[in-house]
Structures are given as C-alpha cells and as structure tokens.
Amino acid sequence: MNFYIVIPCHNEAEFIKQTLDSLVAQTLLPKKVVVVNDQSTDNSEEIISAFAKAHSFIELLNTTSSDIHLPGSKVIQAVQKGINTLDEDYDIFCKFDADLIFPVNYLETIAHEFEKNPRIGMAGGFCYVEKDGDWVLENLTNKDHIRGALKAYRKECFKEIGGLKPAMGWDTIDELLAKYYNWQVITNDTLHVKHLKPTGNTYNKAAQFKQGEAFYGMRYGFWLTLIASIKLANRKGSLLLTKDYLRGYFRAKQSKKDHLVSAQEGTFIRNLRWKGIRSKLGV
C-alpha cells in the first residue's frame, strides 16, 4: 500500500527531527511525506530541509498563516495546502503531527489493518505521553477514537467524507461521517506512539469556546453538548471548563454560525451518540 503523509509544522524544531527519524526508519516506508512549515520562527525549516535532501520521499512546503494557535482551523488549513500538492497515486492518506515518535512497524501494521477489510476507512494507534519517567496513555478520548495527531484514511473514505473540516472538532467529524457512509473506524492498541508535546499545551483561552462551537457545528443539540462538555472537562481535570464549552455553544447558536454537517448527517450523529450513551448505561 502506498502511504502519503502530510505533517503540519509550526515551531516544532524541538520535536520534528524525532518524528521524521521514526518515519524514515519504518519497516514499510511511506511513498511521500510533505511537511508543511507554517511560518515557523525557529529552525524547523532547516531541519526539514535536511531530511528532504537526504530522502527523496520527503518534501518541504513553506507557507504562512495566522500566528494565533487555534486548534482545528490553522492546522487543517496547513494540511490542506499539503494535500493540494499531492497526486492520486496513493492508497492511504495520513495526517500526522510533528511531535510524534512512531514505532518502526507503525505503517506496516496500519497497512495490514486496511488490507484485512475493504470497509475499514480509518485506522490508528494510541498516543502515549511521558509522566514521571514512564510513557502512559494520553487518556483524553475513548479507545475507539483515533486521535487527531495520527489519522490514517483509506483514499476512498477520505474522498467520500469530503476531506477534513477546517474547524475544531474535525477529528471527531471525520469519524462520524465515515460511519455515516458505512465505513469502519478501528484502533490498534499494540501501536504505542510517543506524543512529545501533550495536547492543548499551546491553546489559548479562545480555544475553550471553540470546543462548544464545535459541538454546535456537529448539530449535537443542547443535551448532548452538556453531556459531552462535562465528560471532556472531567477528562481534562477541570469541571469548570464545562461553562466555557457551553458558552461557546450558545455563542455559536445565537450568531447562527454555519453547521459543519448537513441536517441529515446531524440526525445520524445525534442518533449514534445517544445510542452510545444508552449502551453505556445498559438501556
């Protein structure tokens, strides 16, 4: 299987070398890796350029965007610029972060997952973060969810869901839409990926409101938004965040922001979410 990988990079000089080192050491090498250097002010460009000179499948793409780090829009806009440079000669598209260390068999194992079942549309491993000298699971989501840091899509699935939405929540919407189009989303718990910079370290205050806006964009409705907000705030260790998420939701609703999914897709998403909640409650 041919893998095309796009990696957005903004001031990741401390980590990007380790990420690229782990990719060039894969037992199944990617056919193409495009690293989108998004207005870095450190020496990220120099590091990426050195890899591009040493490895023909690695490319450096310099671009500019906002200096403000808002999860979702900035990252996906950079990723899209990388996607725009790709041809169609791939089987699997990956969006990876620039602060990961992959086990050497990562791509080979992911390829086997896709080969096992033609209806698998998305696959991924799990992010681990260093804590007190040990690498522990970065437990911010359910184990059936693929973290936004290491997404892999079958080409047909990627095209059917319409690519990635340039908004916070894109890494949930993609899975929900994949299921809407009858694709399977699977995770492999044998694949431990080291996440060198824990999620959310560079988010500013506005990002908290963006989360609630994302729930609105996915057409969750109030009660699902409330449940999701409490759950996420609890995972992040601060139930006070619930207030920010709800404020973001109502701001988006009051201003009638555009939804990220259609009404029909929204109905499917709500039904799927409520089904999951009822299942966990045993009803």
C-alpha atoms as a PDB file:
ATOM      1  CA  MET A   1       0.000   0.000   0.000  1.00  0.00           C
ATOM      2  CA  ASN A   2       1.175   3.491  -0.846  1.00  0.00           C
ATOM      3  CA  PHE A   3       1.118   5.961   2.055  1.00  0.00           C
ATOM      4  CA  TYR A   4       1.034   9.715   1.541  1.00  0.00           C
ATOM      5  CA  ILE A   5       1.624  11.683   4.745  1.00  0.00           C
ATOM      6  CA  VAL A   6       1.097  15.391   5.438  1.00  0.00           C
ATOM      7  CA  ILE A   7       2.609  16.884   8.599  1.00  0.00           C
ATOM      8  CA  PRO A   8       1.763  20.467   9.632  1.00  0.00           C
ATOM      9  CA  CYS A   9       4.662  22.076  11.478  1.00  0.00           C
ATOM     10  CA  HIS A  10       4.808  25.362  13.381  1.00  0.00           C
ATOM     11  CA  ASN A  11       7.866  25.930  15.592  1.00  0.00           C
ATOM     12  CA  GLU A  12       8.454  22.227  16.202  1.00  0.00           C
ATOM     13  CA  ALA A  13      12.263  22.278  15.965  1.00  0.00           C
ATOM     14  CA  GLU A  14      12.447  20.555  19.327  1.00  0.00           C
ATOM     15  CA  PHE A  15      10.491  17.549  18.061  1.00  0.00           C
ATOM     16  CA  ILE A  16      10.280  17.312  14.242  1.00  0.00           C
ATOM     17  CA  LYS A  17      13.647  15.554  13.856  1.00  0.00           C
ATOM     18  CA  GLN A  18      12.489  12.701  16.092  1.00  0.00           C
ATOM     19  CA  THR A  19       9.242  12.416  14.146  1.00  0.00           C
ATOM     20  CA  LEU A  20      10.997  12.242  10.793  1.00  0.00           C
ATOM     21  CA  ASP A  21      13.659   9.886  12.156  1.00  0.00           C
ATOM     22  CA  SER A  22      10.888   7.492  13.175  1.00  0.00           C
ATOM     23  CA  LEU A  23       9.250   7.707   9.740  1.00  0.00           C
ATOM     24  CA  VAL A  24      12.408   7.061   7.726  1.00  0.00           C
ATOM     25  CA  ALA A  25      13.035   4.012   9.954  1.00  0.00           C
ATOM     26  CA  GLN A  26       9.665   2.388   9.146  1.00  0.00           C
ATOM     27  CA  THR A  27       9.615  -1.234   8.006  1.00  0.00           C
ATOM     28  CA  LEU A  28       7.143  -0.034   5.357  1.00  0.00           C
ATOM     29  CA  LEU A  29       8.334   3.320   4.072  1.00  0.00           C
ATOM     30  CA  PRO A  30       5.813   5.961   3.025  1.00  0.00           C
ATOM     31  CA  LYS A  31       5.787   6.871  -0.649  1.00  0.00           C
ATOM     32  CA  LYS A  32       5.580  10.580   0.139  1.00  0.00           C
ATOM     33  CA  VAL A  33       5.855  12.816   3.201  1.00  0.00           C
ATOM     34  CA  VAL A  34       5.008  16.507   2.838  1.00  0.00           C
ATOM     35  CA  VAL A  35       5.975  18.628   5.840  1.00  0.00           C
ATOM     36  CA  VAL A  36       4.128  21.947   5.763  1.00  0.00           C
ATOM     37  CA  ASN A  37       6.306  24.506   7.535  1.00  0.00           C
ATOM     38  CA  ASP A  38       3.703  27.010   8.658  1.00  0.00           C
ATOM     39  CA  GLN A  39       5.518  30.271   9.388  1.00  0.00           C
ATOM     40  CA  SER A  40       7.980  28.777  11.879  1.00  0.00           C
ATOM     41  CA  THR A  41      10.340  31.241  13.520  1.00  0.00           C
ATOM     42  CA  ASP A  42      12.718  28.595  14.905  1.00  0.00           C
ATOM     43  CA  ASN A  43      14.957  26.314  12.829  1.00  0.00           C
ATOM     44  CA  SER A  44      12.202  23.859  11.849  1.00  0.00           C
ATOM     45  CA  GLU A  45      12.712  24.698   8.165  1.00  0.00           C
ATOM     46  CA  GLU A  46      16.416  23.885   8.360  1.00  0.00           C
ATOM     47  CA  ILE A  47      15.749  20.508   9.965  1.00  0.00           C
ATOM     48  CA  ILE A  48      13.020  19.551   7.482  1.00  0.00           C
ATOM     49  CA  SER A  49      15.149  20.708   4.556  1.00  0.00           C
ATOM     50  CA  ALA A  50      17.995  18.441   5.661  1.00  0.00           C
ATOM     51  CA  PHE A  51      15.647  15.446   5.685  1.00  0.00           C
ATOM     52  CA  ALA A  52      14.243  16.397   2.269  1.00  0.00           C
ATOM     53  CA  LYS A  53      17.766  16.448   0.828  1.00  0.00           C
ATOM     54  CA  ALA A  54      18.592  13.073   2.363  1.00  0.00           C
ATOM     55  CA  HIS A  55      15.332  11.307   1.487  1.00  0.00           C
ATOM     56  CA  SER A  56      13.630  11.679  -1.887  1.00  0.00           C
ATOM     57  CA  PHE A  57      10.157  10.905  -0.499  1.00  0.00           C
ATOM     58  CA  ILE A  58      10.229  13.842   1.941  1.00  0.00           C
ATOM     59  CA  GLU A  59       9.206  17.312   0.754  1.00  0.00           C
ATOM     60  CA  LEU A  60       9.282  20.701   2.451  1.00  0.00           C
ATOM     61  CA  LEU A  61       6.445  23.120   1.770  1.00  0.00           C
ATOM     62  CA  ASN A  62       6.738  26.609   3.259  1.00  0.00           C
ATOM     63  CA  THR A  63       3.538  28.520   3.900  1.00  0.00           C
ATOM     64  CA  THR A  64       2.150  31.337   6.041  1.00  0.00           C
ATOM     65  CA  SER A  65      -0.996  31.670   8.142  1.00  0.00           C
ATOM     66  CA  SER A  66      -2.146  33.280  11.382  1.00  0.00           C
ATOM     67  CA  ASP A  67       0.264  33.425  14.316  1.00  0.00           C
ATOM     68  CA  ILE A  68      -2.599  32.518  16.641  1.00  0.00           C
ATOM     69  CA  HIS A  69      -2.769  28.838  17.529  1.00  0.00           C
ATOM     70  CA  LEU A  70      -6.433  27.878  17.412  1.00  0.00           C
ATOM     71  CA  PRO A  71      -6.987  24.130  17.251  1.00  0.00           C
ATOM     72  CA  GLY A  72      -8.613  22.968  14.062  1.00  0.00           C
ATOM     73  CA  SER A  73      -8.677  25.798  11.567  1.00  0.00           C
ATOM     74  CA  LYS A  74      -4.989  26.753  11.488  1.00  0.00           C
ATOM     75  CA  VAL A  75      -3.787  23.168  11.465  1.00  0.00           C
ATOM     76  CA  ILE A  76      -6.196  21.923   8.820  1.00  0.00           C
ATOM     77  CA  GLN A  77      -5.569  24.921   6.579  1.00  0.00           C
ATOM     78  CA  ALA A  78      -1.888  23.993   6.638  1.00  0.00           C
ATOM     79  CA  VAL A  79      -2.711  20.334   5.996  1.00  0.00           C
ATOM     80  CA  GLN A  80      -4.898  21.300   3.046  1.00  0.00           C
ATOM     81  CA  LYS A  81      -2.016  23.180   1.460  1.00  0.00           C
ATOM     82  CA  GLY A  82      -0.020  19.970   1.691  1.00  0.00           C
ATOM     83  CA  ILE A  83      -2.895  17.925   0.246  1.00  0.00           C
ATOM     84  CA  ASN A  84      -3.091  20.323  -2.700  1.00  0.00           C
ATOM     85  CA  THR A  85       0.416  19.247  -3.749  1.00  0.00           C
ATOM     86  CA  LEU A  86      -0.443  15.529  -3.859  1.00  0.00           C
ATOM     87  CA  ASP A  87      -1.311  13.393  -6.861  1.00  0.00           C
ATOM     88  CA  GLU A  88      -3.713  10.428  -6.810  1.00  0.00           C
ATOM     89  CA  ASP A  89      -1.104   7.662  -6.594  1.00  0.00           C
ATOM     90  CA  TYR A  90      -1.804   6.621  -3.011  1.00  0.00           C
ATOM     91  CA  ASP A  91      -3.937   4.144  -1.097  1.00  0.00           C
ATOM     92  CA  ILE A  92      -3.744   5.654   2.394  1.00  0.00           C
ATOM     93  CA  PHE A  93      -3.610   9.317   3.376  1.00  0.00           C
ATOM     94  CA  CYS A  94      -2.216  10.229   6.801  1.00  0.00           C
ATOM     95  CA  LYS A  95      -2.319  13.461   8.739  1.00  0.00           C
ATOM     96  CA  PHE A  96       0.373  13.222  11.410  1.00  0.00           C
ATOM     97  CA  ASP A  97       1.549  15.764  13.972  1.00  0.00           C
ATOM     98  CA  ALA A  98       5.151  17.000  14.118  1.00  0.00           C
ATOM     99  CA  ASP A  99       5.769  15.862  17.691  1.00  0.00           C
ATOM    100  CA  LEU A 100       5.368  12.085  17.486  1.00  0.00           C
ATOM    101  CA  ILE A 101       7.715   9.112  17.626  1.00  0.00           C
ATOM    102  CA  PHE A 102       6.278   6.119  15.782  1.00  0.00           C
ATOM    103  CA  PRO A 103       7.240   2.507  16.456  1.00  0.00           C
ATOM    104  CA  VAL A 104       9.141   1.092  13.471  1.00  0.00           C
ATOM    105  CA  ASN A 105       6.263  -1.176  12.429  1.00  0.00           C
ATOM    106  CA  TYR A 106       3.573   1.507  12.603  1.00  0.00           C
ATOM    107  CA  LEU A 107       2.836   1.943   8.892  1.00  0.00           C
ATOM    108  CA  GLU A 108       3.215  -1.767   8.154  1.00  0.00           C
ATOM    109  CA  THR A 109       0.722  -2.651  10.896  1.00  0.00           C
ATOM    110  CA  ILE A 110      -1.732   0.022   9.744  1.00  0.00           C
ATOM    111  CA  ALA A 111      -1.436  -1.309   6.182  1.00  0.00           C
ATOM    112  CA  HIS A 112      -2.327  -4.799   7.415  1.00  0.00           C
ATOM    113  CA  GLU A 113      -5.412  -3.401   9.149  1.00  0.00           C
ATOM    114  CA  PHE A 114      -6.643  -1.847   5.917  1.00  0.00           C
ATOM    115  CA  GLU A 115      -5.842  -4.989   3.930  1.00  0.00           C
ATOM    116  CA  LYS A 116      -7.877  -7.191   6.279  1.00  0.00           C
ATOM    117  CA  ASN A 117     -11.170  -5.492   5.470  1.00  0.00           C
ATOM    118  CA  PRO A 118     -12.022  -3.260   2.473  1.00  0.00           C
ATOM    119  CA  ARG A 119     -14.649  -1.426   4.565  1.00  0.00           C
ATOM    120  CA  ILE A 120     -12.116  -0.137   7.074  1.00  0.00           C
ATOM    121  CA  GLY A 121     -11.954   3.549   6.250  1.00  0.00           C
ATOM    122  CA  MET A 122      -9.826   4.837   9.126  1.00  0.00           C
ATOM    123  CA  ALA A 123      -7.224   3.271  11.404  1.00  0.00           C
ATOM    124  CA  GLY A 124      -4.718   4.340  14.049  1.00  0.00           C
ATOM    125  CA  GLY A 125      -2.773   3.540  17.183  1.00  0.00           C
ATOM    126  CA  PHE A 126      -2.650   5.383  20.501  1.00  0.00           C
ATOM    127  CA  CYS A 127      -0.743   8.390  21.831  1.00  0.00           C
ATOM    128  CA  TYR A 128       1.371   7.991  24.957  1.00  0.00           C
ATOM    129  CA  VAL A 129       2.844  10.847  26.987  1.00  0.00           C
ATOM    130  CA  GLU A 130       5.746  10.844  29.414  1.00  0.00           C
ATOM    131  CA  LYS A 131       4.775  11.066  33.064  1.00  0.00           C
ATOM    132  CA  ASP A 132       7.237  10.608  35.914  1.00  0.00           C
ATOM    133  CA  GLY A 133       9.639   8.745  33.652  1.00  0.00           C
ATOM    134  CA  ASP A 134       7.017   6.377  32.227  1.00  0.00           C
ATOM    135  CA  TRP A 135       5.071   6.509  28.961  1.00  0.00           C
ATOM    136  CA  VAL A 136       1.352   6.393  29.770  1.00  0.00           C
ATOM    137  CA  LEU A 137      -1.763   6.518  27.604  1.00  0.00           C
ATOM    138  CA  GLU A 138      -2.857  10.090  26.837  1.00  0.00           C
ATOM    139  CA  ASN A 139      -6.356   9.365  28.014  1.00  0.00           C
ATOM    140  CA  LEU A 140      -8.376  12.241  26.553  1.00  0.00           C
ATOM    141  CA  THR A 141     -10.801  10.183  24.462  1.00  0.00           C
ATOM    142  CA  ASN A 142     -12.462   6.792  24.265  1.00  0.00           C
ATOM    143  CA  LYS A 143     -10.363   3.921  22.965  1.00  0.00           C
ATOM    144  CA  ASP A 144     -12.498   3.598  19.843  1.00  0.00           C
ATOM    145  CA  HIS A 145     -11.444   7.092  18.732  1.00  0.00           C
ATOM    146  CA  ILE A 146      -8.351   7.848  16.653  1.00  0.00           C
ATOM    147  CA  ARG A 147      -6.533  10.899  17.946  1.00  0.00           C
ATOM    148  CA  GLY A 148      -6.187  13.836  15.572  1.00  0.00           C
ATOM    149  CA  ALA A 149      -2.416  13.565  15.900  1.00  0.00           C
ATOM    150  CA  LEU A 150      -2.221  10.320  13.908  1.00  0.00           C
ATOM    151  CA  LYS A 151      -5.070   9.921  11.456  1.00  0.00           C
ATOM    152  CA  ALA A 152      -4.898   7.420   8.582  1.00  0.00           C
ATOM    153  CA  TYR A 153      -7.634   7.234   5.915  1.00  0.00           C
ATOM    154  CA  ARG A 154      -8.320   4.900   3.018  1.00  0.00           C
ATOM    155  CA  LYS A 155      -8.386   7.137  -0.060  1.00  0.00           C
ATOM    156  CA  GLU A 156     -11.979   6.256  -0.963  1.00  0.00           C
ATOM    157  CA  CYS A 157     -13.177   7.033   2.561  1.00  0.00           C
ATOM    158  CA  PHE A 158     -11.218  10.280   2.694  1.00  0.00           C
ATOM    159  CA  LYS A 159     -12.826  11.490  -0.511  1.00  0.00           C
ATOM    160  CA  GLU A 160     -16.328  10.385   0.453  1.00  0.00           C
ATOM    161  CA  ILE A 161     -16.287  12.314   3.744  1.00  0.00           C
ATOM    162  CA  GLY A 162     -15.088  15.392   1.874  1.00  0.00           C
ATOM    163  CA  GLY A 163     -11.634  15.601   3.429  1.00  0.00           C
ATOM    164  CA  LEU A 164     -11.024  17.466   6.686  1.00  0.00           C
ATOM    165  CA  LYS A 165     -13.176  20.294   8.033  1.00  0.00           C
ATOM    166  CA  PRO A 166     -11.123  23.442   8.849  1.00  0.00           C
ATOM    167  CA  ALA A 167     -12.600  23.795  12.335  1.00  0.00           C
ATOM    168  CA  MET A 168     -12.142  22.465  15.831  1.00  0.00           C
ATOM    169  CA  GLY A 169     -13.841  19.096  16.044  1.00  0.00           C
ATOM    170  CA  TRP A 170     -12.559  17.997  12.625  1.00  0.00           C
ATOM    171  CA  ASP A 171     -11.057  14.860  14.184  1.00  0.00           C
ATOM    172  CA  THR A 172     -14.441  13.807  15.519  1.00  0.00           C
ATOM    173  CA  ILE A 173     -16.472  14.831  12.484  1.00  0.00           C
ATOM    174  CA  ASP A 174     -14.290  12.727  10.184  1.00  0.00           C
ATOM    175  CA  GLU A 175     -15.078   9.557  12.143  1.00  0.00           C
ATOM    176  CA  LEU A 176     -18.782  10.343  12.435  1.00  0.00           C
ATOM    177  CA  LEU A 177     -19.040  10.984   8.695  1.00  0.00           C
ATOM    178  CA  ALA A 178     -17.056   7.841   7.936  1.00  0.00           C
ATOM    179  CA  LYS A 179     -19.641   5.864   9.915  1.00  0.00           C
ATOM    180  CA  TYR A 180     -22.438   7.771   8.166  1.00  0.00           C
ATOM    181  CA  TYR A 181     -21.067   6.479   4.860  1.00  0.00           C
ATOM    182  CA  ASN A 182     -20.784   2.961   6.306  1.00  0.00           C
ATOM    183  CA  TRP A 183     -17.011   2.886   6.780  1.00  0.00           C
ATOM    184  CA  GLN A 184     -15.460   1.222   9.811  1.00  0.00           C
ATOM    185  CA  VAL A 185     -13.115   3.080  12.170  1.00  0.00           C
ATOM    186  CA  ILE A 186     -10.653   0.883  14.055  1.00  0.00           C
ATOM    187  CA  THR A 187      -7.867   1.337  16.574  1.00  0.00           C
ATOM    188  CA  ASN A 188      -4.908  -0.938  17.331  1.00  0.00           C
ATOM    189  CA  ASP A 189      -3.820  -0.902  20.965  1.00  0.00           C
ATOM    190  CA  THR A 190      -0.481  -2.569  20.182  1.00  0.00           C
ATOM    191  CA  LEU A 191       0.694   0.612  18.440  1.00  0.00           C
ATOM    192  CA  HIS A 192       2.103   2.951  21.089  1.00  0.00           C
ATOM    193  CA  VAL A 193       3.106   6.323  19.642  1.00  0.00           C
ATOM    194  CA  LYS A 194       5.097   8.698  21.829  1.00  0.00           C
ATOM    195  CA  HIS A 195       3.450  12.119  21.921  1.00  0.00           C
ATOM    196  CA  LEU A 196       6.198  14.531  22.878  1.00  0.00           C
ATOM    197  CA  LYS A 197       4.003  17.578  23.455  1.00  0.00           C
ATOM    198  CA  PRO A 198       0.726  16.842  25.277  1.00  0.00           C
ATOM    199  CA  THR A 199      -2.441  18.023  23.565  1.00  0.00           C
ATOM    200  CA  GLY A 200      -3.580  21.536  24.407  1.00  0.00           C
ATOM    201  CA  ASN A 201      -0.241  22.890  25.624  1.00  0.00           C
ATOM    202  CA  THR A 202      -0.334  25.835  23.219  1.00  0.00           C
ATOM    203  CA  TYR A 203      -4.072  26.508  23.082  1.00  0.00           C
ATOM    204  CA  ASN A 204      -5.213  29.945  24.134  1.00  0.00           C
ATOM    205  CA  LYS A 205      -8.368  30.889  26.031  1.00  0.00           C
ATOM    206  CA  ALA A 206     -10.414  31.263  22.853  1.00  0.00           C
ATOM    207  CA  ALA A 207      -9.918  27.554  22.193  1.00  0.00           C
ATOM    208  CA  GLN A 208     -12.188  26.670  25.102  1.00  0.00           C
ATOM    209  CA  PHE A 209     -15.082  28.464  23.434  1.00  0.00           C
ATOM    210  CA  LYS A 210     -14.192  26.803  20.120  1.00  0.00           C
ATOM    211  CA  GLN A 211     -14.942  23.409  21.671  1.00  0.00           C
ATOM    212  CA  GLY A 212     -18.542  24.396  22.371  1.00  0.00           C
ATOM    213  CA  GLU A 213     -18.751  25.905  18.904  1.00  0.00           C
ATOM    214  CA  ALA A 214     -17.662  22.536  17.520  1.00  0.00           C
ATOM    215  CA  PHE A 215     -20.484  20.758  19.362  1.00  0.00           C
ATOM    216  CA  TYR A 216     -22.908  23.214  17.764  1.00  0.00           C
ATOM    217  CA  GLY A 217     -21.296  22.695  14.363  1.00  0.00           C
ATOM    218  CA  MET A 218     -21.819  18.930  14.669  1.00  0.00           C
ATOM    219  CA  ARG A 219     -25.515  19.555  15.440  1.00  0.00           C
ATOM    220  CA  TYR A 220     -25.314  17.898  18.854  1.00  0.00           C
ATOM    221  CA  GLY A 221     -28.131  19.944  20.354  1.00  0.00           C
ATOM    222  CA  PHE A 222     -28.101  21.190  23.951  1.00  0.00           C
ATOM    223  CA  TRP A 223     -28.366  17.956  25.938  1.00  0.00           C
ATOM    224  CA  LEU A 224     -25.665  16.105  24.005  1.00  0.00           C
ATOM    225  CA  THR A 225     -23.485  19.214  24.243  1.00  0.00           C
ATOM    226  CA  LEU A 226     -23.995  19.318  28.012  1.00  0.00           C
ATOM    227  CA  ILE A 227     -23.075  15.647  28.421  1.00  0.00           C
ATOM    228  CA  ALA A 228     -20.078  15.919  26.087  1.00  0.00           C
ATOM    229  CA  SER A 229     -18.904  19.112  27.829  1.00  0.00           C
ATOM    230  CA  ILE A 230     -18.993  17.569  31.295  1.00  0.00           C
ATOM    231  CA  LYS A 231     -17.236  14.439  30.053  1.00  0.00           C
ATOM    232  CA  LEU A 232     -14.460  16.370  28.306  1.00  0.00           C
ATOM    233  CA  ALA A 233     -13.978  18.800  31.190  1.00  0.00           C
ATOM    234  CA  ASN A 234     -13.692  15.870  33.583  1.00  0.00           C
ATOM    235  CA  ARG A 235     -11.066  14.189  31.372  1.00  0.00           C
ATOM    236  CA  LYS A 236      -9.079  17.418  31.373  1.00  0.00           C
ATOM    237  CA  GLY A 237      -9.289  17.599  35.158  1.00  0.00           C
ATOM    238  CA  SER A 238     -11.367  20.771  35.448  1.00  0.00           C
ATOM    239  CA  LEU A 239     -15.152  20.651  35.511  1.00  0.00           C
ATOM    240  CA  LEU A 240     -15.113  24.466  35.345  1.00  0.00           C
ATOM    241  CA  LEU A 241     -14.308  24.094  31.641  1.00  0.00           C
ATOM    242  CA  THR A 242     -17.899  22.939  31.158  1.00  0.00           C
ATOM    243  CA  LYS A 243     -19.008  26.568  31.476  1.00  0.00           C
ATOM    244  CA  ASP A 244     -16.652  27.681  28.696  1.00  0.00           C
ATOM    245  CA  TYR A 245     -17.793  24.885  26.381  1.00  0.00           C
ATOM    246  CA  LEU A 246     -21.455  25.745  26.933  1.00  0.00           C
ATOM    247  CA  ARG A 247     -20.752  29.439  26.422  1.00  0.00           C
ATOM    248  CA  GLY A 248     -19.118  28.609  23.102  1.00  0.00           C
ATOM    249  CA  TYR A 249     -22.121  26.513  22.102  1.00  0.00           C
ATOM    250  CA  PHE A 250     -24.625  29.270  22.866  1.00  0.00           C
ATOM    251  CA  ARG A 251     -22.469  31.913  21.195  1.00  0.00           C
ATOM    252  CA  ALA A 252     -22.462  29.851  18.014  1.00  0.00           C
ATOM    253  CA  LYS A 253     -26.197  29.223  18.259  1.00  0.00           C
ATOM    254  CA  GLN A 254     -27.003  32.885  18.862  1.00  0.00           C
ATOM    255  CA  SER A 255     -24.901  34.035  15.931  1.00  0.00           C
ATOM    256  CA  LYS A 256     -26.322  31.221  13.757  1.00  0.00           C
ATOM    257  CA  LYS A 257     -22.925  30.011  12.682  1.00  0.00           C
ATOM    258  CA  ASP A 258     -22.806  27.597   9.792  1.00  0.00           C
ATOM    259  CA  HIS A 259     -23.056  23.956  10.744  1.00  0.00           C
ATOM    260  CA  LEU A 260     -20.235  21.592   9.788  1.00  0.00           C
ATOM    261  CA  VAL A 261     -22.549  18.773   8.731  1.00  0.00           C
ATOM    262  CA  SER A 262     -25.859  18.568   6.881  1.00  0.00           C
ATOM    263  CA  ALA A 263     -29.184  18.182   8.674  1.00  0.00           C
ATOM    264  CA  GLN A 264     -29.364  14.520   7.624  1.00  0.00           C
ATOM    265  CA  GLU A 265     -25.819  13.885   8.820  1.00  0.00           C
ATOM    266  CA  GLY A 266     -26.648  15.687  12.066  1.00  0.00           C
ATOM    267  CA  THR A 267     -29.618  13.389  12.682  1.00  0.00           C
ATOM    268  CA  PHE A 268     -27.378  10.358  12.163  1.00  0.00           C
ATOM    269  CA  ILE A 269     -24.731  11.798  14.510  1.00  0.00           C
ATOM    270  CA  ARG A 270     -27.229  12.505  17.301  1.00  0.00           C
ATOM    271  CA  ASN A 271     -28.773   9.049  16.997  1.00  0.00           C
ATOM    272  CA  LEU A 272     -25.320   7.459  17.067  1.00  0.00           C
ATOM    273  CA  ARG A 273     -24.290   9.458  20.136  1.00  0.00           C
ATOM    274  CA  TRP A 274     -27.490   8.673  22.045  1.00  0.00           C
ATOM    275  CA  LYS A 275     -27.151   5.000  21.125  1.00  0.00           C
ATOM    276  CA  GLY A 276     -23.646   5.020  22.600  1.00  0.00           C
ATOM    277  CA  ILE A 277     -24.848   6.692  25.798  1.00  0.00           C
ATOM    278  CA  ARG A 278     -27.716   4.229  26.222  1.00  0.00           C
ATOM    279  CA  SER A 279     -25.330   1.337  25.641  1.00  0.00           C
ATOM    280  CA  LYS A 280     -23.022   2.546  28.408  1.00  0.00           C
ATOM    281  CA  LEU A 281     -25.997   2.955  30.739  1.00  0.00           C
ATOM    282  CA  GLY A 282     -27.201  -0.548  29.914  1.00  0.00           C
ATOM    283  CA  VAL A 283     -30.560   0.554  28.492  1.00  0.00           C
END
